[in-house]
N, C-alpha and C. Protein backbone atom coordinates (compact mmCIF):
# COMPACT_ATOMS: atom_id res chain seq x y z
N MET A 1 27.90 -147.62 26.19
CA MET A 1 27.36 -146.54 25.53
C MET A 1 27.50 -145.29 26.40
N ILE A 2 27.25 -145.38 27.70
CA ILE A 2 27.52 -144.27 28.53
C ILE A 2 28.99 -143.80 28.43
N MET A 3 29.90 -144.75 28.48
CA MET A 3 31.37 -144.35 28.35
C MET A 3 31.62 -143.67 27.09
N GLU A 4 31.13 -144.11 26.03
CA GLU A 4 31.21 -143.50 24.59
C GLU A 4 30.85 -141.89 24.79
N ASN A 5 29.58 -141.72 25.32
CA ASN A 5 29.28 -140.40 25.44
C ASN A 5 30.03 -139.63 26.21
N ILE A 6 30.56 -140.16 27.32
CA ILE A 6 31.46 -139.18 28.33
C ILE A 6 32.68 -138.92 27.51
N MET A 7 33.27 -139.91 26.80
CA MET A 7 34.62 -139.56 25.93
C MET A 7 34.34 -138.64 24.75
N LYS A 8 33.21 -138.54 24.22
CA LYS A 8 32.93 -137.61 23.17
C LYS A 8 32.80 -136.21 23.82
N LYS A 9 32.23 -136.01 24.93
CA LYS A 9 32.14 -134.73 25.74
C LYS A 9 33.51 -134.29 25.94
N ILE A 10 34.34 -135.18 26.63
CA ILE A 10 35.57 -134.83 27.15
C ILE A 10 36.49 -134.39 25.72
N GLY A 11 36.38 -135.15 24.85
CA GLY A 11 37.19 -135.01 23.54
C GLY A 11 36.90 -133.64 22.90
N ILE A 12 35.60 -133.21 23.03
CA ILE A 12 35.25 -131.90 22.39
C ILE A 12 35.71 -130.76 23.26
N LYS A 13 35.62 -130.92 24.61
CA LYS A 13 36.26 -129.74 25.55
C LYS A 13 37.84 -129.82 25.34
N MET A 14 38.38 -130.91 25.22
CA MET A 14 39.85 -130.87 25.06
C MET A 14 40.37 -130.19 23.81
N LEU A 15 39.54 -130.41 22.72
CA LEU A 15 39.89 -129.71 21.50
C LEU A 15 39.87 -128.25 21.54
N LYS A 16 39.09 -127.62 22.44
CA LYS A 16 39.05 -126.19 22.72
C LYS A 16 40.39 -125.68 23.13
N TYR A 17 40.99 -126.51 24.03
CA TYR A 17 42.36 -126.12 24.66
C TYR A 17 43.56 -126.51 23.87
N CYS A 18 43.53 -127.20 22.77
CA CYS A 18 44.64 -127.59 21.88
C CYS A 18 45.52 -126.39 21.60
N PRO A 19 44.81 -125.36 20.85
CA PRO A 19 45.51 -124.30 20.39
C PRO A 19 46.40 -123.55 21.45
N ILE A 20 45.77 -123.40 22.48
CA ILE A 20 46.32 -122.73 23.66
C ILE A 20 47.50 -123.55 24.28
N ILE A 21 47.41 -124.82 24.24
CA ILE A 21 48.51 -125.61 24.79
C ILE A 21 49.60 -125.61 23.71
N PHE A 22 49.24 -125.71 22.50
CA PHE A 22 50.24 -125.67 21.30
C PHE A 22 51.03 -124.35 21.31
N ILE A 23 50.39 -123.31 21.49
CA ILE A 23 51.09 -122.01 21.51
C ILE A 23 52.08 -122.00 22.74
N LEU A 24 51.51 -122.31 23.83
CA LEU A 24 52.41 -122.37 25.03
C LEU A 24 53.62 -123.22 24.87
N PHE A 25 53.45 -124.33 24.31
CA PHE A 25 54.52 -125.33 23.88
C PHE A 25 55.57 -124.53 23.20
N LEU A 26 55.06 -124.03 21.99
CA LEU A 26 56.10 -123.31 21.13
C LEU A 26 56.78 -122.29 21.79
N THR A 27 56.11 -121.53 22.50
CA THR A 27 56.72 -120.24 23.17
C THR A 27 57.70 -120.64 24.17
N LEU A 28 57.36 -121.55 25.03
CA LEU A 28 58.39 -122.03 26.05
C LEU A 28 59.48 -122.88 25.39
N THR A 29 59.40 -123.54 24.43
CA THR A 29 60.45 -124.48 24.11
C THR A 29 61.37 -123.67 23.07
N ASN A 30 60.77 -122.77 22.46
CA ASN A 30 61.76 -121.94 21.43
C ASN A 30 62.41 -120.84 22.11
N CYS A 31 62.16 -120.51 23.21
CA CYS A 31 62.70 -119.31 23.89
C CYS A 31 63.84 -119.81 24.93
N SER A 32 64.92 -119.80 24.53
CA SER A 32 65.97 -120.40 25.53
C SER A 32 66.14 -119.47 26.84
N TYR A 33 65.77 -118.23 26.80
CA TYR A 33 65.92 -117.37 27.93
C TYR A 33 64.81 -117.93 28.98
N MET A 34 63.68 -118.10 28.36
CA MET A 34 62.50 -118.46 29.17
C MET A 34 62.83 -119.94 29.77
N MET A 35 63.22 -120.92 28.94
CA MET A 35 63.78 -122.19 29.60
C MET A 35 64.87 -122.11 30.65
N ASP A 36 65.75 -121.22 30.38
CA ASP A 36 66.86 -120.99 31.34
C ASP A 36 66.16 -120.57 32.84
N ALA A 37 65.30 -119.63 32.57
CA ALA A 37 64.60 -119.08 33.80
C ALA A 37 63.80 -120.17 34.52
N ILE A 38 63.14 -121.06 33.66
CA ILE A 38 62.33 -122.09 34.29
C ILE A 38 63.29 -123.05 34.93
N GLU A 39 64.22 -123.53 34.25
CA GLU A 39 65.21 -124.57 34.82
C GLU A 39 65.93 -123.98 35.97
N GLY A 40 66.22 -122.81 35.87
CA GLY A 40 67.10 -122.03 37.09
C GLY A 40 66.28 -122.05 38.27
N THR A 41 64.86 -121.67 38.12
CA THR A 41 64.14 -121.81 39.43
C THR A 41 63.83 -123.16 39.92
N ILE A 42 63.78 -124.30 38.90
CA ILE A 42 63.76 -125.71 39.43
C ILE A 42 64.86 -126.27 40.09
N ASP A 43 66.06 -126.02 39.56
CA ASP A 43 67.21 -126.82 40.09
C ASP A 43 68.42 -125.84 40.57
N ASN A 44 68.11 -124.51 40.64
CA ASN A 44 69.09 -123.54 41.26
C ASN A 44 70.51 -123.81 40.64
N ARG A 45 70.55 -123.84 39.28
CA ARG A 45 71.86 -124.04 38.66
C ARG A 45 72.40 -122.57 38.13
N ALA A 46 73.56 -122.70 37.73
CA ALA A 46 74.39 -121.65 37.09
C ALA A 46 73.77 -120.16 37.52
N SER A 47 74.29 -119.86 38.64
CA SER A 47 73.98 -118.47 39.12
C SER A 47 74.83 -117.46 38.45
N PHE A 48 76.05 -117.74 38.04
CA PHE A 48 76.89 -116.74 37.55
C PHE A 48 77.92 -117.48 36.64
N SER A 49 78.98 -116.75 36.09
CA SER A 49 79.72 -117.38 34.96
C SER A 49 81.05 -117.41 35.55
N ILE A 50 82.07 -118.24 35.08
CA ILE A 50 83.34 -118.26 35.35
C ILE A 50 84.12 -118.40 33.96
N SER A 51 85.38 -118.16 33.79
CA SER A 51 86.21 -118.53 32.68
C SER A 51 87.38 -119.42 33.08
N ALA A 52 87.87 -120.24 32.19
CA ALA A 52 88.97 -121.10 32.48
C ALA A 52 89.87 -121.05 31.17
N ARG A 53 91.24 -121.02 31.41
CA ARG A 53 92.17 -120.83 30.49
C ARG A 53 93.48 -121.79 30.68
N LEU A 54 93.79 -122.63 29.84
CA LEU A 54 94.95 -123.54 30.06
C LEU A 54 96.18 -122.84 29.47
N ASP A 55 97.17 -122.89 30.25
CA ASP A 55 98.35 -122.43 29.76
C ASP A 55 99.46 -123.25 30.38
N GLY A 56 100.14 -124.16 29.56
CA GLY A 56 100.95 -125.07 30.11
C GLY A 56 100.39 -126.10 31.05
N ASP A 57 100.92 -126.08 32.22
CA ASP A 57 100.24 -127.09 33.20
C ASP A 57 99.50 -126.25 34.25
N THR A 58 98.88 -125.18 34.00
CA THR A 58 98.03 -124.39 34.90
C THR A 58 96.84 -123.96 34.17
N VAL A 59 95.67 -124.17 34.90
CA VAL A 59 94.42 -123.66 34.37
C VAL A 59 94.20 -122.43 35.28
N TYR A 60 93.99 -121.30 34.56
CA TYR A 60 93.62 -119.93 35.20
C TYR A 60 92.20 -119.86 35.25
N ILE A 61 91.54 -119.93 36.36
CA ILE A 61 90.15 -119.77 36.57
C ILE A 61 89.86 -118.28 37.07
N THR A 62 88.86 -117.70 36.49
CA THR A 62 88.53 -116.23 36.84
C THR A 62 87.06 -116.19 37.05
N TRP A 63 86.54 -115.24 37.80
CA TRP A 63 85.13 -115.04 37.97
C TRP A 63 84.88 -113.64 38.43
N ASP A 64 83.77 -112.95 38.27
CA ASP A 64 83.39 -111.71 38.68
C ASP A 64 82.47 -111.63 39.89
N GLU A 65 81.90 -112.84 40.24
CA GLU A 65 81.01 -112.86 41.36
C GLU A 65 81.72 -112.68 42.70
N ILE A 66 81.21 -111.70 43.54
CA ILE A 66 81.82 -111.48 44.71
C ILE A 66 80.64 -111.49 45.73
N ASP A 67 80.90 -112.23 46.85
CA ASP A 67 79.96 -112.32 47.88
C ASP A 67 80.46 -111.85 49.17
N SER A 68 79.99 -110.67 49.56
CA SER A 68 80.55 -109.92 50.83
C SER A 68 79.53 -110.12 52.04
N SER A 69 78.58 -111.06 51.78
CA SER A 69 77.61 -111.18 52.96
C SER A 69 78.35 -111.85 54.22
N ASP A 70 77.75 -111.87 55.24
CA ASP A 70 78.26 -112.36 56.47
C ASP A 70 78.02 -113.96 56.58
N SER A 71 77.30 -114.42 55.48
CA SER A 71 77.13 -115.77 55.36
C SER A 71 78.12 -116.62 54.51
N PHE A 72 79.01 -115.81 53.78
CA PHE A 72 80.08 -116.39 52.92
C PHE A 72 80.90 -117.29 53.76
N ALA A 73 81.28 -118.57 53.32
CA ALA A 73 82.16 -119.39 53.91
C ALA A 73 83.47 -119.83 53.06
N GLY A 74 83.24 -119.65 51.74
CA GLY A 74 84.29 -119.89 50.73
C GLY A 74 83.92 -120.24 49.48
N TYR A 75 84.84 -120.44 48.62
CA TYR A 75 84.67 -120.89 47.19
C TYR A 75 85.29 -122.29 47.11
N GLU A 76 84.71 -123.02 46.38
CA GLU A 76 85.08 -124.41 45.96
C GLU A 76 85.10 -124.65 44.53
N ILE A 77 86.21 -125.15 44.07
CA ILE A 77 86.47 -125.36 42.61
C ILE A 77 86.08 -126.83 42.31
N GLU A 78 85.42 -127.13 41.23
CA GLU A 78 85.00 -128.34 40.97
C GLU A 78 85.35 -128.67 39.49
N MET A 79 85.56 -129.96 39.15
CA MET A 79 85.90 -130.41 37.81
C MET A 79 85.27 -131.74 37.42
N THR A 80 85.02 -131.92 36.18
CA THR A 80 84.44 -133.10 35.58
C THR A 80 84.90 -133.23 34.04
N LYS A 81 84.65 -134.45 33.62
CA LYS A 81 84.74 -134.59 32.18
C LYS A 81 83.32 -134.68 31.48
N SER A 82 82.40 -134.73 32.20
CA SER A 82 80.92 -134.80 31.90
C SER A 82 80.07 -133.63 32.34
N PRO A 83 80.01 -132.58 31.63
CA PRO A 83 79.35 -131.33 31.95
C PRO A 83 77.84 -131.46 32.02
N ASP A 84 77.25 -132.42 31.45
CA ASP A 84 75.74 -132.48 31.50
C ASP A 84 75.25 -133.38 32.60
N ASP A 85 76.11 -133.69 33.61
CA ASP A 85 75.73 -134.37 34.67
C ASP A 85 75.61 -133.40 35.93
N GLU A 86 74.77 -132.34 35.72
CA GLU A 86 74.57 -131.17 36.70
C GLU A 86 75.56 -131.13 37.82
N TYR A 87 75.55 -131.92 38.86
CA TYR A 87 76.17 -131.77 40.06
C TYR A 87 76.97 -133.08 40.32
N SER A 88 76.41 -134.29 40.12
CA SER A 88 76.84 -135.59 40.69
C SER A 88 78.10 -135.77 40.01
N GLY A 89 78.42 -135.52 38.93
CA GLY A 89 79.72 -135.86 38.11
C GLY A 89 81.01 -135.05 38.56
N TYR A 90 80.81 -134.11 39.23
CA TYR A 90 81.74 -133.10 39.74
C TYR A 90 82.47 -133.48 40.79
N ALA A 91 83.91 -133.36 40.88
CA ALA A 91 84.74 -133.63 42.06
C ALA A 91 85.26 -132.24 42.43
N THR A 92 85.33 -132.03 43.86
CA THR A 92 85.94 -130.69 44.29
C THR A 92 87.36 -131.07 44.26
N VAL A 93 88.11 -130.09 43.55
CA VAL A 93 89.56 -130.12 43.43
C VAL A 93 90.29 -129.09 44.16
N ALA A 94 89.64 -128.09 44.72
CA ALA A 94 90.27 -127.07 45.48
C ALA A 94 89.28 -126.36 46.39
N ALA A 95 89.76 -125.97 47.52
CA ALA A 95 88.83 -125.27 48.62
C ALA A 95 89.92 -124.59 49.46
N ARG A 96 89.27 -123.94 50.50
CA ARG A 96 90.12 -123.20 51.46
C ARG A 96 90.71 -124.14 52.47
N TYR A 97 89.99 -125.28 52.75
CA TYR A 97 90.40 -126.36 53.52
C TYR A 97 90.44 -127.67 52.91
N ASP A 98 91.40 -128.49 53.53
CA ASP A 98 91.52 -129.80 52.91
C ASP A 98 90.28 -130.60 53.11
N LEU A 99 89.49 -131.08 52.05
CA LEU A 99 88.24 -131.75 52.16
C LEU A 99 88.23 -133.22 52.13
N ASN A 100 89.46 -133.80 52.23
CA ASN A 100 89.77 -135.12 52.26
C ASN A 100 88.88 -135.86 51.06
N VAL A 101 89.11 -135.29 49.90
CA VAL A 101 88.49 -135.86 48.69
C VAL A 101 89.40 -136.98 48.25
N SER A 102 88.97 -138.07 48.13
CA SER A 102 89.74 -139.22 47.76
C SER A 102 89.71 -139.63 46.25
N ILE A 103 88.73 -139.29 45.65
CA ILE A 103 88.72 -139.58 44.12
C ILE A 103 88.64 -138.34 43.38
N LEU A 104 89.73 -138.06 42.61
CA LEU A 104 89.90 -136.83 41.84
C LEU A 104 90.16 -137.21 40.40
N PRO A 105 89.60 -136.51 39.47
CA PRO A 105 89.85 -136.75 38.06
C PRO A 105 91.34 -136.91 37.71
N ALA A 106 91.72 -137.94 36.88
CA ALA A 106 93.09 -138.21 36.41
C ALA A 106 94.28 -138.03 37.50
N SER A 107 93.91 -138.61 38.72
CA SER A 107 94.88 -138.75 39.84
C SER A 107 95.51 -137.29 40.11
N LEU A 108 94.66 -136.33 40.02
CA LEU A 108 95.03 -134.97 40.45
C LEU A 108 95.18 -134.92 42.12
N SER A 109 95.96 -133.92 42.51
CA SER A 109 96.10 -133.75 44.03
C SER A 109 95.03 -132.60 44.38
N PHE A 110 94.46 -132.89 45.50
CA PHE A 110 93.55 -131.69 46.03
C PHE A 110 94.41 -130.61 46.38
N GLN A 111 93.90 -129.34 46.01
CA GLN A 111 94.75 -128.27 46.20
C GLN A 111 94.04 -127.38 47.35
N VAL A 112 94.73 -127.18 48.41
CA VAL A 112 94.20 -126.19 49.53
C VAL A 112 94.71 -124.85 49.23
N ASN A 113 93.81 -123.97 49.31
CA ASN A 113 94.17 -122.55 49.01
C ASN A 113 93.38 -121.57 50.05
N PRO A 114 94.06 -121.04 50.98
CA PRO A 114 93.20 -120.16 51.90
C PRO A 114 92.61 -118.92 51.21
N GLY A 115 93.09 -118.59 50.11
CA GLY A 115 92.53 -117.43 49.33
C GLY A 115 91.14 -117.86 48.97
N LEU A 116 90.78 -119.05 48.87
CA LEU A 116 89.40 -119.41 48.54
C LEU A 116 88.36 -119.17 49.71
N GLY A 117 88.92 -118.65 50.74
CA GLY A 117 88.12 -118.30 51.92
C GLY A 117 87.85 -116.90 52.15
N ILE A 118 88.27 -116.13 51.14
CA ILE A 118 88.30 -114.67 51.10
C ILE A 118 87.28 -114.30 50.06
N SER A 119 86.18 -113.36 50.47
CA SER A 119 85.06 -113.14 49.68
C SER A 119 85.56 -112.42 48.34
N THR A 120 86.56 -111.69 48.39
CA THR A 120 86.90 -110.73 47.27
C THR A 120 87.86 -111.44 46.35
N THR A 121 88.22 -112.59 46.49
CA THR A 121 89.01 -113.39 45.57
C THR A 121 88.24 -113.50 44.34
N LYS A 122 89.03 -113.33 43.16
CA LYS A 122 88.26 -113.42 41.95
C LYS A 122 88.97 -114.26 40.89
N SER A 123 89.94 -115.17 41.42
CA SER A 123 90.73 -116.13 40.71
C SER A 123 91.42 -117.15 41.40
N PHE A 124 91.64 -118.16 40.65
CA PHE A 124 92.36 -119.50 41.25
C PHE A 124 93.20 -120.18 40.14
N ASN A 125 94.25 -120.57 40.34
CA ASN A 125 95.20 -121.16 39.50
C ASN A 125 95.34 -122.72 39.88
N HIS A 126 94.95 -123.48 38.86
CA HIS A 126 94.92 -124.94 39.25
C HIS A 126 95.98 -125.73 38.42
N ASN A 127 96.93 -126.18 39.31
CA ASN A 127 97.90 -127.06 38.81
C ASN A 127 97.52 -128.26 38.27
N VAL A 128 97.65 -128.67 36.99
CA VAL A 128 97.01 -129.67 36.29
C VAL A 128 98.20 -130.62 35.54
N TYR A 129 99.45 -130.51 36.01
CA TYR A 129 100.44 -131.28 35.42
C TYR A 129 100.23 -132.78 35.32
N GLN A 130 99.58 -133.31 36.24
CA GLN A 130 99.20 -134.90 36.14
C GLN A 130 97.96 -135.04 35.28
N LEU A 131 97.28 -134.14 34.73
CA LEU A 131 96.10 -134.39 34.16
C LEU A 131 96.46 -134.88 32.70
N SER A 132 95.71 -136.03 32.24
CA SER A 132 95.95 -136.63 30.88
C SER A 132 95.18 -135.70 29.96
N ASN A 133 95.41 -135.91 28.71
CA ASN A 133 94.92 -135.09 27.52
C ASN A 133 93.34 -135.53 27.53
N GLY A 134 92.66 -134.43 27.16
CA GLY A 134 91.20 -134.54 27.14
C GLY A 134 90.54 -133.22 27.37
N VAL A 135 89.20 -133.27 27.37
CA VAL A 135 88.31 -132.22 27.58
C VAL A 135 87.81 -132.22 29.12
N TYR A 136 87.90 -131.16 29.74
CA TYR A 136 87.61 -130.99 31.15
C TYR A 136 86.79 -129.76 31.32
N TYR A 137 85.87 -129.89 32.38
CA TYR A 137 85.02 -128.63 32.65
C TYR A 137 85.10 -128.26 34.08
N TYR A 138 85.15 -127.01 34.44
CA TYR A 138 85.32 -126.47 35.72
C TYR A 138 83.89 -125.88 36.02
N ARG A 139 83.63 -125.80 37.39
CA ARG A 139 82.61 -124.98 38.01
C ARG A 139 83.03 -124.60 39.35
N MET A 140 82.50 -123.45 39.86
CA MET A 140 82.82 -122.90 41.11
C MET A 140 81.59 -122.91 42.01
N GLY A 141 81.69 -123.29 43.26
CA GLY A 141 80.60 -123.08 44.13
C GLY A 141 80.76 -122.02 45.20
N ILE A 142 79.90 -121.36 45.59
CA ILE A 142 79.90 -120.51 46.78
C ILE A 142 79.24 -121.11 47.78
N ILE A 143 80.10 -121.27 49.03
CA ILE A 143 79.67 -122.01 50.14
C ILE A 143 79.22 -120.94 51.20
N TYR A 144 78.07 -121.21 51.88
CA TYR A 144 77.52 -120.53 52.96
C TYR A 144 77.58 -121.07 54.32
N TRP A 145 77.70 -120.30 55.29
CA TRP A 145 77.48 -120.90 56.63
C TRP A 145 75.96 -121.18 56.87
N ASN A 146 75.61 -122.15 57.51
CA ASN A 146 74.32 -122.62 57.82
C ASN A 146 73.52 -121.51 58.83
N ASP A 147 74.38 -120.86 59.54
CA ASP A 147 73.79 -120.04 60.47
C ASP A 147 74.26 -118.68 60.53
N ALA A 148 73.41 -117.66 60.95
CA ALA A 148 73.75 -116.29 61.10
C ALA A 148 74.96 -116.22 61.99
N PRO A 149 75.87 -115.07 62.04
CA PRO A 149 77.15 -115.01 62.95
C PRO A 149 76.76 -115.18 64.38
N ASP A 150 75.69 -114.52 64.71
CA ASP A 150 75.36 -114.63 66.16
C ASP A 150 74.86 -115.98 66.68
N LYS A 151 74.56 -116.86 65.69
CA LYS A 151 74.15 -118.28 66.07
C LYS A 151 75.35 -119.23 65.86
N ARG A 152 76.50 -118.70 65.46
CA ARG A 152 77.67 -119.61 65.28
C ARG A 152 78.45 -119.67 66.71
N THR A 153 77.77 -120.34 67.55
CA THR A 153 78.10 -120.40 69.01
C THR A 153 78.51 -121.86 69.44
N SER A 154 79.22 -122.11 70.48
CA SER A 154 79.43 -123.48 71.03
C SER A 154 78.00 -124.11 71.36
N LYS A 155 77.12 -123.31 71.74
CA LYS A 155 75.82 -123.62 72.13
C LYS A 155 75.22 -124.38 71.13
N ASN A 156 75.47 -123.94 69.88
CA ASN A 156 74.80 -124.35 68.50
C ASN A 156 75.71 -125.45 67.89
N GLY A 157 76.78 -125.96 68.61
CA GLY A 157 77.51 -127.09 68.11
C GLY A 157 78.85 -126.42 67.26
N TYR A 158 79.10 -125.05 67.41
CA TYR A 158 80.24 -124.80 66.60
C TYR A 158 81.45 -124.92 67.66
N GLU A 159 82.63 -125.36 66.96
CA GLU A 159 83.80 -125.45 67.58
C GLU A 159 84.29 -123.97 67.56
N GLN A 160 85.00 -123.51 68.60
CA GLN A 160 85.40 -122.08 68.95
C GLN A 160 86.86 -121.92 69.01
N THR A 161 87.65 -122.43 67.98
CA THR A 161 89.13 -122.33 68.12
C THR A 161 89.68 -121.49 66.93
N GLY A 162 88.92 -120.91 66.01
CA GLY A 162 89.42 -120.28 64.84
C GLY A 162 89.46 -118.73 65.06
N SER A 163 89.70 -118.04 63.95
CA SER A 163 89.66 -116.70 63.99
C SER A 163 88.95 -116.06 62.84
N PRO A 164 87.58 -115.56 62.91
CA PRO A 164 86.80 -115.54 64.32
C PRO A 164 86.64 -117.02 64.85
N ALA A 165 86.36 -117.14 66.04
CA ALA A 165 86.16 -118.25 66.64
C ALA A 165 85.53 -119.49 66.09
N TRP A 166 84.46 -119.26 65.35
CA TRP A 166 83.76 -120.26 64.76
C TRP A 166 84.29 -120.70 63.35
N ASP A 167 85.16 -120.07 62.96
CA ASP A 167 85.64 -120.27 61.54
C ASP A 167 86.78 -121.31 61.56
N THR A 168 86.40 -122.55 61.62
CA THR A 168 87.53 -123.67 61.68
C THR A 168 87.07 -124.66 60.60
N GLN A 169 88.02 -125.58 60.31
CA GLN A 169 87.81 -126.66 59.35
C GLN A 169 86.68 -127.49 59.71
N THR A 170 86.61 -127.85 60.89
CA THR A 170 85.67 -128.76 61.45
C THR A 170 84.25 -128.12 61.25
N ASN A 171 84.08 -126.90 61.57
CA ASN A 171 82.65 -126.18 61.37
C ASN A 171 82.44 -126.09 59.82
N TYR A 172 83.49 -125.78 59.10
CA TYR A 172 83.37 -125.75 57.60
C TYR A 172 82.72 -127.02 57.12
N PHE A 173 83.28 -128.21 57.52
CA PHE A 173 82.73 -129.52 56.97
C PHE A 173 81.36 -129.65 57.37
N SER A 174 80.86 -129.31 58.69
CA SER A 174 79.62 -129.58 59.14
C SER A 174 78.57 -128.55 59.25
N LYS A 175 79.01 -127.32 59.12
CA LYS A 175 77.92 -126.27 59.26
C LYS A 175 77.98 -125.28 58.05
N THR A 176 78.19 -125.83 56.96
CA THR A 176 78.12 -125.05 55.53
C THR A 176 77.42 -125.82 54.57
N GLY A 177 77.02 -125.09 53.58
CA GLY A 177 76.34 -125.73 52.40
C GLY A 177 76.50 -124.84 51.11
N LEU A 178 76.17 -125.39 50.01
CA LEU A 178 76.36 -124.83 48.66
C LEU A 178 75.17 -123.83 48.55
N ASN A 179 75.60 -122.65 48.30
CA ASN A 179 74.56 -121.48 48.03
C ASN A 179 74.42 -121.27 46.67
N LYS A 180 75.52 -121.03 45.82
CA LYS A 180 75.29 -120.78 44.33
C LYS A 180 76.36 -121.61 43.57
N ILE A 181 76.06 -121.81 42.28
CA ILE A 181 77.04 -122.67 41.54
C ILE A 181 77.14 -121.92 40.34
N SER A 182 78.31 -121.90 39.68
CA SER A 182 78.64 -121.28 38.44
C SER A 182 78.22 -122.16 37.23
N GLY A 183 78.24 -121.56 36.09
CA GLY A 183 78.06 -122.31 34.90
C GLY A 183 79.37 -123.03 34.69
N TYR A 184 79.52 -123.97 33.68
CA TYR A 184 80.80 -124.32 33.53
C TYR A 184 81.64 -123.71 32.53
N ALA A 185 83.04 -123.87 32.69
CA ALA A 185 84.01 -123.38 31.72
C ALA A 185 84.88 -124.59 31.27
N LYS A 186 85.02 -124.65 29.98
CA LYS A 186 85.72 -125.83 29.27
C LYS A 186 87.29 -125.61 28.98
N ILE A 187 88.03 -126.48 29.16
CA ILE A 187 89.49 -126.51 28.87
C ILE A 187 89.69 -127.79 28.08
N ILE A 188 90.68 -127.59 27.03
CA ILE A 188 91.12 -128.76 26.43
C ILE A 188 92.55 -128.92 26.57
N LYS A 189 93.12 -130.14 27.12
CA LYS A 189 94.49 -130.50 27.32
C LYS A 189 94.90 -131.24 26.19
N PRO A 190 95.64 -130.75 25.29
CA PRO A 190 96.22 -131.53 24.04
C PRO A 190 97.09 -132.53 24.43
């Protein structure tokens, strides 16, 4: 009996909030910009756009995003056949250094391109002659150094043999992380 009275009181109070909850639900689910903003803050996805165009055995990837900060370490090109698998389904297919990636889509070779270490770079050409027919998706990541330039010292574990001293492949492997990721761009290889 006591439980029934409590349930009735809770039920009446909850009914007061149903119209507000319903309006919020409709507003948030029907406004794609709002949902993109919410998702973007939750999972830090798609910070900028890229485009990809297949011509023969080459995919021409371009972007407008330039990062001239002192944290910039490089661009990395990623590829997948499953675009809805946010990050985990992508394999890095190109970077400024050899990342020793062993499993690539369709037996592609990893491409080392020093230009991907230059912040003003706005394009990359991906050789895909080994790629089998199908639909593929590209993304590009902007990689940042973990520390400010004045902290990239041997005292903080940075190898000092590059130019500048801390800019080495070893440091790139161990002292960087993903800062931004693009939306995906689709290509179809007939």
